[in-house]
Protein backbone atom coordinates (compact mmCIF):
# COMPACT_ATOMS: atom_id res chain seq x y z
CA MET A 1 -18.85 -23.04 18.06
CA LYS A 2 -16.88 -19.90 17.25
CA LYS A 3 -18.58 -16.88 15.70
CA LYS A 4 -17.30 -15.84 12.28
CA VAL A 5 -15.96 -12.47 11.16
CA TYR A 6 -15.66 -11.30 7.56
CA ILE A 7 -13.08 -8.57 6.86
CA GLU A 8 -13.24 -6.50 3.66
CA THR A 9 -10.38 -4.11 2.90
CA TYR A 10 -10.20 -0.98 0.77
CA GLY A 11 -7.20 1.16 -0.10
CA CYS A 12 -3.48 0.74 0.33
CA GLN A 13 -1.18 -2.08 1.42
CA MET A 14 -1.09 -0.59 4.93
CA ASN A 15 -4.82 -1.24 5.20
CA PHE A 16 -4.38 -4.88 4.20
CA SER A 17 -1.70 -5.21 6.87
CA ASP A 18 -4.06 -3.63 9.42
CA SER A 19 -6.83 -6.06 8.48
CA GLU A 20 -4.47 -8.92 9.27
CA ILE A 21 -3.82 -7.40 12.70
CA VAL A 22 -7.59 -7.14 13.26
CA GLY A 23 -7.95 -10.77 12.17
CA SER A 24 -5.40 -11.80 14.79
CA ILE A 25 -7.12 -9.84 17.56
CA MET A 26 -10.47 -11.40 16.65
CA THR A 27 -9.17 -14.99 16.48
CA ASN A 28 -7.71 -14.49 19.95
CA ASN A 29 -11.19 -13.51 21.14
CA ASP A 30 -13.25 -16.52 20.06
CA TYR A 31 -13.88 -15.52 16.45
CA GLU A 32 -12.95 -17.31 13.26
CA VAL A 33 -12.14 -15.41 10.06
CA THR A 34 -14.27 -16.41 7.07
CA LYS A 35 -14.06 -15.52 3.37
CA ILE A 36 -17.82 -16.11 2.94
CA ILE A 37 -19.79 -13.06 4.02
CA ASN A 38 -23.09 -14.94 4.41
CA GLU A 39 -21.47 -17.10 7.13
CA ALA A 40 -20.46 -14.11 9.23
CA SER A 41 -22.13 -12.72 12.32
CA LEU A 42 -19.74 -9.75 12.17
CA VAL A 43 -18.58 -7.79 9.11
CA PHE A 44 -15.69 -5.32 9.22
CA ILE A 45 -15.08 -2.82 6.42
CA ASN A 46 -11.52 -1.46 6.61
CA THR A 47 -11.57 1.93 4.91
CA CYS A 48 -9.31 4.43 3.20
CA SER A 49 -9.68 8.22 3.10
CA ILE A 50 -6.77 9.16 0.85
CA ARG A 51 -9.03 9.72 -2.18
CA ASP A 52 -12.68 10.53 -2.58
CA ASN A 53 -13.40 7.56 -4.86
CA ALA A 54 -12.26 5.17 -2.09
CA GLU A 55 -14.75 6.72 0.31
CA GLN A 56 -17.50 6.57 -2.32
CA ARG A 57 -16.88 2.85 -2.82
CA VAL A 58 -17.23 2.26 0.92
CA SER A 59 -20.47 4.30 1.02
CA ARG A 60 -21.92 2.17 -1.76
CA ARG A 61 -20.84 -0.98 0.07
CA LEU A 62 -22.63 0.11 3.25
CA LYS A 63 -25.85 0.47 1.28
CA GLU A 64 -25.43 -3.10 0.02
CA LEU A 65 -24.84 -4.32 3.58
CA ARG A 66 -28.12 -2.76 4.65
CA ALA A 67 -29.93 -5.37 2.53
CA LEU A 68 -27.82 -8.15 4.05
CA LYS A 69 -28.64 -6.93 7.54
CA LYS A 70 -32.37 -7.02 6.76
CA LYS A 71 -32.02 -10.72 5.98
CA ASN A 72 -29.96 -11.26 9.14
CA PRO A 73 -30.95 -8.75 11.88
CA GLU A 74 -28.32 -10.25 14.22
CA LEU A 75 -25.50 -9.25 11.86
CA LYS A 76 -23.16 -6.58 13.25
CA VAL A 77 -21.23 -4.19 10.99
CA GLY A 78 -18.09 -2.31 11.97
CA LEU A 79 -16.21 0.38 10.08
CA LEU A 80 -12.44 0.41 10.61
CA GLY A 81 -9.55 2.60 9.54
CA CYS A 82 -9.02 6.11 8.24
CA MET A 83 -12.53 6.85 6.98
CA ALA A 84 -13.94 5.60 10.28
CA GLU A 85 -11.69 7.99 12.20
CA ARG A 86 -12.38 10.96 9.90
CA LEU A 87 -16.17 10.74 9.49
CA GLN A 88 -17.36 9.22 12.76
CA ASP A 89 -20.48 11.37 13.27
CA LYS A 90 -21.62 11.11 9.66
CA ILE A 91 -21.11 7.35 9.55
CA PHE A 92 -23.24 6.72 12.63
CA GLU A 93 -26.13 8.29 10.72
CA GLU A 94 -25.98 5.10 8.64
CA GLU A 95 -28.14 2.71 10.63
CA VAL A 96 -26.21 -0.24 9.26
CA VAL A 97 -23.03 0.65 11.20
CA ASP A 98 -22.79 -0.63 14.80
CA LEU A 99 -19.22 0.30 15.70
CA ILE A 100 -16.44 2.55 14.47
CA VAL A 101 -12.76 1.90 15.21
CA GLY A 102 -9.80 4.04 14.21
CA PRO A 103 -6.40 2.63 13.13
CA ASP A 104 -4.87 2.91 16.62
CA ALA A 105 -7.76 1.36 18.57
CA TYR A 106 -7.97 -2.22 17.30
CA ARG A 107 -6.95 -3.66 20.68
CA ASP A 108 -10.20 -2.21 22.04
CA LEU A 109 -12.37 -4.29 19.68
CA PRO A 110 -13.45 -6.88 22.30
CA ASN A 111 -14.70 -4.13 24.66
CA LEU A 112 -16.48 -2.30 21.84
CA LEU A 113 -18.19 -5.49 20.70
CA ASN A 114 -19.40 -6.14 24.24
CA ALA A 115 -21.11 -2.74 24.13
CA VAL A 116 -22.63 -3.54 20.75
CA ASP A 117 -23.98 -6.85 22.06
CA LYS A 118 -25.81 -4.82 24.72
CA GLY A 119 -27.55 -2.80 22.00
CA GLN A 120 -25.28 0.24 22.05
CA LYS A 121 -23.39 2.01 19.28
CA ALA A 122 -19.66 1.92 20.05
CA ALA A 123 -16.64 3.90 18.85
CA ASN A 124 -12.96 4.45 19.57
CA VAL A 125 -11.03 6.70 17.19
CA ILE A 126 -8.38 7.96 19.62
CA LEU A 127 -4.98 8.37 17.98
CA SER A 128 -1.89 7.02 19.74
CA GLU A 129 1.71 8.23 19.76
CA GLU A 130 2.97 4.77 20.75
CA GLU A 131 0.81 2.00 19.25
CA THR A 132 2.63 -0.19 16.70
CA TYR A 133 0.96 -3.61 17.33
CA ASP A 134 4.52 -4.94 17.24
CA GLU A 135 3.93 -8.12 19.27
CA ILE A 136 0.75 -9.16 17.42
CA GLU A 137 1.26 -11.92 14.86
CA PRO A 138 -1.04 -11.05 11.95
CA VAL A 139 -3.50 -13.56 10.49
CA ARG A 140 -2.65 -13.79 6.80
CA LEU A 141 -5.97 -13.11 5.06
CA ASP A 142 -5.20 -12.91 1.33
CA ASN A 143 -3.00 -15.92 1.69
CA ASN A 144 -1.13 -17.57 -1.15
CA GLY A 145 1.44 -18.74 1.39
CA ILE A 146 4.18 -17.07 -0.67
CA SER A 147 3.99 -13.30 -0.14
CA ALA A 148 3.25 -11.30 3.01
CA PHE A 149 3.29 -7.74 4.33
CA ILE A 150 5.17 -6.61 7.43
CA SER A 151 4.27 -3.19 8.80
CA ILE A 152 7.45 -1.65 10.24
CA MET A 153 6.05 1.74 11.30
CA ARG A 154 2.81 3.65 11.63
CA GLY A 155 1.65 7.21 11.08
CA CYS A 156 3.15 10.09 9.15
CA GLN A 157 4.29 13.61 9.92
CA ASN A 158 5.12 14.95 6.48
CA PHE A 159 1.85 16.89 6.27
CA CYS A 160 1.60 17.02 2.49
CA SER A 161 -1.06 19.67 1.96
CA TYR A 162 -3.47 17.34 0.11
CA CYS A 163 -3.21 14.34 2.47
CA VAL A 164 -5.33 13.23 5.44
CA VAL A 165 -2.98 10.50 6.69
CA PRO A 166 -1.28 12.54 9.48
CA TYR A 167 -4.75 13.35 10.82
CA THR A 168 -6.17 9.82 10.55
CA ARG A 169 -3.08 7.74 11.45
CA GLY A 170 -1.27 10.09 13.77
CA LYS A 171 2.38 10.74 14.51
CA GLU A 172 5.09 8.67 12.87
CA ARG A 173 6.52 5.90 15.09
CA SER A 174 8.70 2.89 14.30
CA ARG A 175 8.47 -0.71 15.51
CA ASN A 176 11.13 -2.44 17.54
CA PRO A 177 13.49 -3.96 14.91
CA GLU A 178 13.71 -7.28 16.80
CA THR A 179 9.97 -7.83 16.35
CA ILE A 180 10.26 -7.09 12.62
CA ILE A 181 13.18 -9.49 12.13
CA ASN A 182 11.46 -12.20 14.17
CA GLU A 183 8.27 -11.81 12.13
CA ALA A 184 10.25 -12.12 8.89
CA LYS A 185 12.09 -15.22 10.17
CA ASN A 186 8.81 -16.79 11.23
CA LEU A 187 7.28 -16.18 7.82
CA PHE A 188 10.26 -17.74 6.06
CA GLU A 189 10.10 -20.81 8.30
CA LYS A 190 6.40 -21.16 7.39
CA GLY A 191 7.29 -21.25 3.68
CA TYR A 192 6.84 -17.62 2.69
CA ARG A 193 9.39 -16.49 0.14
CA GLU A 194 8.63 -12.78 -0.28
CA ILE A 195 7.89 -10.02 2.20
CA THR A 196 7.11 -6.35 1.72
CA LEU A 197 8.18 -3.95 4.47
CA LEU A 198 5.49 -1.30 4.81
CA GLY A 199 5.33 2.24 6.12
CA GLN A 200 3.65 5.48 5.15
CA ASN A 201 7.21 6.78 4.66
CA VAL A 202 9.24 3.62 4.98
CA ASN A 203 12.71 5.09 4.51
CA SER A 204 12.30 7.41 7.50
CA TYR A 205 12.23 4.36 9.80
CA SER A 206 14.30 5.10 12.92
CA TRP A 207 14.91 3.15 16.13
CA ASP A 208 17.09 4.32 19.02
CA GLY A 209 17.83 1.40 21.34
CA ASP A 210 21.06 -0.36 22.21
CA GLU A 211 21.83 0.20 18.53
CA SER A 212 20.59 3.11 16.42
CA ILE A 213 18.92 1.60 13.37
CA ASN A 214 17.76 3.43 10.28
CA PHE A 215 15.90 1.86 7.37
CA ALA A 216 19.06 0.93 5.44
CA ILE A 217 20.40 -1.02 8.43
CA LEU A 218 17.04 -2.69 9.06
CA LEU A 219 16.76 -3.69 5.41
CA GLU A 220 20.20 -5.30 5.53
CA LYS A 221 19.33 -7.24 8.70
CA VAL A 222 16.18 -8.62 7.06
CA ALA A 223 18.07 -9.49 3.87
CA LEU A 224 20.56 -11.54 5.90
CA ILE A 225 17.82 -13.85 7.25
CA ASN A 226 18.09 -16.06 4.17
CA PRO A 227 19.06 -15.44 0.53
CA LEU A 228 15.87 -17.25 -0.55
CA LEU A 229 13.70 -14.61 1.16
CA ARG A 230 12.89 -11.80 -1.24
CA ILE A 231 12.40 -8.33 0.24
CA ARG A 232 10.41 -5.42 -1.16
CA PHE A 233 9.51 -2.15 0.53
CA ALA A 234 6.99 0.68 0.15
CA THR A 235 6.53 3.58 0.16
CA SER A 236 9.64 5.74 -0.15
CA HIS A 237 9.63 9.53 0.13
CA PRO A 238 12.02 11.32 -2.25
CA LYS A 239 13.33 13.62 0.49
CA ASP A 240 14.53 10.64 2.56
CA ILE A 241 15.91 8.15 0.05
CA SER A 242 19.66 8.05 0.73
CA ASP A 243 22.64 6.74 -1.17
CA GLU A 244 23.28 4.48 1.84
CA LEU A 245 19.93 2.79 1.26
CA LEU A 246 20.52 2.47 -2.48
CA HIS A 247 23.89 0.79 -1.89
CA ILE A 248 22.23 -1.76 0.44
CA VAL A 249 19.62 -2.52 -2.25
CA ALA A 250 22.42 -2.99 -4.80
CA LYS A 251 24.47 -5.19 -2.43
CA TYR A 252 21.95 -8.01 -1.85
CA ASP A 253 20.44 -10.08 -4.64
CA ASN A 254 17.37 -10.87 -2.54
CA ILE A 255 16.44 -7.19 -2.11
CA CYS A 256 14.28 -6.58 -5.14
CA LYS A 257 15.49 -4.09 -7.69
CA SER A 258 12.32 -2.04 -7.73
CA ILE A 259 11.74 1.32 -6.04
CA HIS A 260 8.42 3.10 -5.76
CA LEU A 261 9.20 6.82 -5.53
CA PRO A 262 6.07 9.02 -5.65
CA VAL A 263 6.69 12.30 -7.43
CA GLN A 264 3.08 13.63 -7.46
CA SER A 265 4.00 16.49 -9.83
CA GLY A 266 6.85 17.45 -12.12
CA SER A 267 6.47 21.14 -11.30
CA SER A 268 8.53 22.62 -8.46
CA ARG A 269 5.85 25.28 -7.96
CA ILE A 270 3.14 22.66 -7.45
CA LEU A 271 5.45 20.53 -5.27
CA LYS A 272 5.92 23.53 -2.98
CA LEU A 273 2.15 24.03 -2.75
CA MET A 274 1.82 20.32 -1.97
CA ASN A 275 4.42 20.72 0.82
CA ARG A 276 6.40 17.80 -0.60
CA LYS A 277 9.72 19.25 0.70
CA TYR A 278 11.69 18.66 -2.50
CA THR A 279 12.01 20.24 -5.94
CA ARG A 280 11.91 18.79 -9.43
CA GLU A 281 15.73 19.03 -9.49
CA TRP A 282 16.09 17.15 -6.17
CA TYR A 283 13.82 14.39 -7.43
CA MET A 284 15.81 14.09 -10.67
CA ASN A 285 19.01 13.84 -8.61
CA ARG A 286 17.53 10.89 -6.68
CA ILE A 287 16.47 9.17 -9.93
CA GLU A 288 19.98 9.60 -11.30
CA ALA A 289 21.37 8.06 -8.09
CA ILE A 290 19.05 5.05 -8.39
CA LYS A 291 20.07 4.44 -12.00
CA ARG A 292 23.75 4.88 -11.20
CA ILE A 293 23.89 2.74 -8.06
CA ILE A 294 21.31 0.07 -9.04
CA PRO A 295 21.54 -0.48 -12.82
CA GLY A 296 18.38 -2.09 -14.16
CA CYS A 297 16.27 -1.03 -11.18
CA ALA A 298 12.59 -0.55 -11.99
CA ILE A 299 11.13 2.79 -10.92
CA SER A 300 7.44 3.41 -10.31
CA THR A 301 5.60 6.45 -9.03
CA ASP A 302 2.38 8.17 -7.94
CA ILE A 303 1.06 11.20 -9.84
CA ILE A 304 -1.71 13.62 -8.89
CA THR A 305 -3.03 15.82 -11.69
CA GLY A 306 -5.24 18.89 -11.35
CA PHE A 307 -3.94 20.09 -7.99
CA CYS A 308 -4.92 23.61 -6.91
CA SER A 309 -3.85 26.29 -9.45
CA GLU A 310 -2.09 23.76 -11.73
CA THR A 311 -1.47 25.40 -15.11
CA GLU A 312 -0.90 23.82 -18.50
CA GLU A 313 2.79 24.59 -18.04
CA ASP A 314 2.81 22.71 -14.71
CA HIS A 315 1.07 19.80 -16.42
CA LYS A 316 3.65 19.80 -19.23
CA GLU A 317 6.42 19.67 -16.62
CA THR A 318 4.86 16.50 -15.21
CA ILE A 319 4.67 15.02 -18.72
CA SER A 320 8.31 15.91 -19.45
CA LEU A 321 9.49 14.43 -16.15
CA MET A 322 7.64 11.18 -16.88
CA GLU A 323 9.39 10.99 -20.26
CA TRP A 324 12.78 11.79 -18.70
CA VAL A 325 12.48 9.12 -15.99
CA GLY A 326 10.80 6.51 -18.20
CA TYR A 327 8.71 5.02 -15.38
CA ASP A 328 8.04 1.31 -15.55
CA TYR A 329 4.56 1.82 -14.11
CA ALA A 330 2.60 4.43 -12.18
CA PHE A 331 -0.50 5.04 -10.08
CA MET A 332 -2.26 8.09 -11.48
CA PHE A 333 -5.12 10.11 -10.00
CA LYS A 334 -7.10 13.32 -10.27
CA TYR A 335 -6.82 15.60 -7.25
CA SER A 336 -9.77 15.26 -4.90
CA GLU A 337 -10.03 17.72 -2.03
CA ARG A 338 -10.00 16.14 1.44
CA SER A 339 -11.59 18.08 4.28
CA ASN A 340 -9.38 19.41 7.11
CA THR A 341 -6.20 19.23 5.03
CA LEU A 342 -4.06 22.33 4.50
CA ALA A 343 -5.09 22.46 0.85
CA ALA A 344 -8.79 22.37 1.75
CA LYS A 345 -8.34 25.14 4.32
CA LYS A 346 -6.08 27.51 2.39
CA MET A 347 -6.26 26.70 -1.33
CA LYS A 348 -8.98 26.73 -3.92
CA ASP A 349 -9.78 23.55 -5.81
CA ASP A 350 -10.01 25.60 -8.99
CA ILE A 351 -9.22 23.18 -11.83
CA PRO A 352 -12.41 22.25 -13.72
CA GLU A 353 -13.28 18.56 -13.66
CA GLU A 354 -13.09 18.26 -17.44
CA VAL A 355 -9.55 19.70 -17.38
CA LYS A 356 -8.51 17.27 -14.65
CA SER A 357 -9.95 14.38 -16.67
CA ARG A 358 -8.21 15.44 -19.88
CA ARG A 359 -4.84 15.85 -18.14
CA LEU A 360 -5.23 12.50 -16.40
CA GLU A 361 -6.02 10.82 -19.71
CA GLU A 362 -2.85 12.30 -21.24
CA ILE A 363 -0.79 11.05 -18.29
CA ILE A 364 -2.33 7.56 -18.48
CA ASP A 365 -1.77 7.36 -22.26
CA LEU A 366 1.88 8.35 -21.82
CA GLN A 367 2.44 5.87 -19.00
CA ARG A 368 0.90 3.07 -21.06
CA LYS A 369 3.44 3.90 -23.79
CA LEU A 370 6.34 4.05 -21.29
CA SER A 371 5.32 0.74 -19.70
CA LEU A 372 5.15 -0.95 -23.10
CA GLU A 373 8.58 0.44 -24.03
CA SER A 374 10.01 -0.82 -20.73
CA ASN A 375 8.54 -4.29 -21.26
CA ASN A 376 9.64 -4.43 -24.91
CA ASN A 377 13.18 -3.78 -23.73
CA ASP A 378 12.97 -6.99 -21.66
CA ILE A 379 12.17 -9.26 -24.63
CA GLY A 380 15.04 -11.68 -25.11
CA LYS A 381 16.32 -11.20 -21.55
CA SER A 382 16.31 -13.87 -18.84
CA PHE A 383 14.99 -13.28 -15.32
CA GLU A 384 14.62 -15.22 -12.12
CA ILE A 385 10.97 -15.14 -11.08
CA LEU A 386 9.13 -16.29 -7.99
CA ILE A 387 5.92 -18.13 -8.91
CA ASP A 388 3.13 -16.71 -6.77
CA GLY A 389 -0.16 -17.52 -8.48
CA THR A 390 -2.23 -18.59 -11.44
CA SER A 391 -2.78 -16.27 -14.38
CA LYS A 392 -6.03 -14.30 -14.10
CA ARG A 393 -6.74 -14.98 -17.77
CA SER A 394 -5.96 -18.67 -18.00
CA GLN A 395 -5.92 -21.52 -15.50
CA LEU A 396 -3.38 -23.20 -17.79
CA LYS A 397 -0.75 -20.58 -17.00
CA LEU A 398 1.12 -19.53 -13.86
CA SER A 399 2.22 -16.05 -12.92
CA GLY A 400 5.15 -14.70 -10.98
CA ARG A 401 7.17 -11.54 -10.54
CA ASN A 402 10.77 -10.74 -11.28
CA SER A 403 12.99 -8.62 -9.07
CA GLN A 404 11.74 -5.53 -10.93
CA ASN A 405 8.18 -6.34 -9.76
CA LYS A 406 6.95 -7.07 -13.28
CA VAL A 407 4.29 -9.74 -13.71
CA VAL A 408 5.48 -12.67 -15.84
CA ILE A 409 3.13 -15.25 -17.35
CA ILE A 410 4.50 -18.79 -17.87
CA PRO A 411 2.93 -22.07 -19.08
CA LYS A 412 1.91 -24.53 -16.37
CA ASN A 413 4.33 -27.41 -15.98
CA GLU A 414 5.95 -29.19 -13.06
CA ASN A 415 6.69 -25.87 -11.31
CA GLN A 416 4.81 -25.05 -8.11
CA LEU A 417 3.86 -21.93 -6.15
CA GLY A 418 6.91 -20.68 -4.27
CA ASP A 419 9.42 -22.00 -6.81
CA TYR A 420 12.17 -19.79 -8.15
CA ILE A 421 12.75 -20.37 -11.86
CA THR A 422 14.81 -18.64 -14.53
CA ILE A 423 12.90 -17.86 -17.71
CA LYS A 424 13.41 -16.02 -20.99
CA ILE A 425 10.97 -13.32 -22.11
CA LYS A 426 9.47 -13.85 -25.55
CA GLY A 427 6.66 -11.25 -25.59
CA CYS A 428 4.82 -8.62 -23.61
CA SER A 429 1.94 -6.24 -23.20
CA SER A 430 2.09 -2.90 -21.37
CA ALA A 431 1.09 -4.77 -18.17
CA THR A 432 2.83 -8.15 -18.32
CA LEU A 433 5.81 -10.08 -19.63
CA ILE A 434 5.27 -13.44 -21.37
CA SER A 435 7.87 -16.17 -21.06
CA GLU A 436 8.82 -19.40 -22.73
């Protein structure tokens, strides 16, 4: 009888994709993935270090697992991912943790588990300049059978001053395009109808083989697999988003008209301190290009408030940029200092917590208003949506997303998961559209 492994994931889409790679490695080594933690003889926590609150959630979870391990002394607990790589020594002080594995060392899991079975603590957090896991077929964990992630590259070398990713995930490297296209074809043949191409900086994808392939070319090749296969991608960096890419998005109906373009701040002074490698004016130029080349494209963003030395004027520039763009939705955070980053080494985290909280609240309030305005503008319009689940609020309703990545709620009828249907919007909230 196979042993069972339970995998819990925190953080970004890249982490979910990594958990699926881990699931594949474990199933190829006599384990079975379970969604019931009490069945498991092995628990993996896949971690994120981008923000302090993500690390705090993991720390709280480890305390909860201590109680579970008391009930089952044979249970083994492993910490995976960025937090595991960054805080190895500190984590091993937690008696509950048996092994620590960084994002580039998942192939070593069988060897590490052998050491754990012999009563040893085990770790491998060595970063690689080559590892892409490109030939591993992921086990789809959060599986509706409709949507899936495909990681097309790993690592990052932008070195934004606030970010730990280059230190925890290593140098940027791209996957062989053939393996990406084959994975997408395989998913479509299995009934999947939507894929998201993932990378820390997805539009800097680059492959030099018999044919030089950038992200725009790769995106077109994936779009040509089948017009019924929807394609999304994340995350784009403003310094790398080209008109060539935007024209490819506009050309194909099955490439979703939704671009996530993190701005982080509306102040050129703060952007320079963040080492974002663009100005407010450059970012506005890219937004204008998106709206010109892809009319009706949804635009979302990430915003960090309270970065080192941020003034009220800098904050107002962020507010004014949000109003100018009219974001459809946003992920918004207070700055939290991460050790070993350039900002932690050379800048002072000098914005009081109450000021950060007040500025964040103003940003959230504005975004809620912008999202509602965006959704109100869709009332009366018709959209094609892909049904991908049941409404969280009512089992009598289905949910899906349109090309602009907006959630649409529809009444249950003869439609099934994976169906494309065209609907008319009759109402909305700031978070969802409601259809007839």
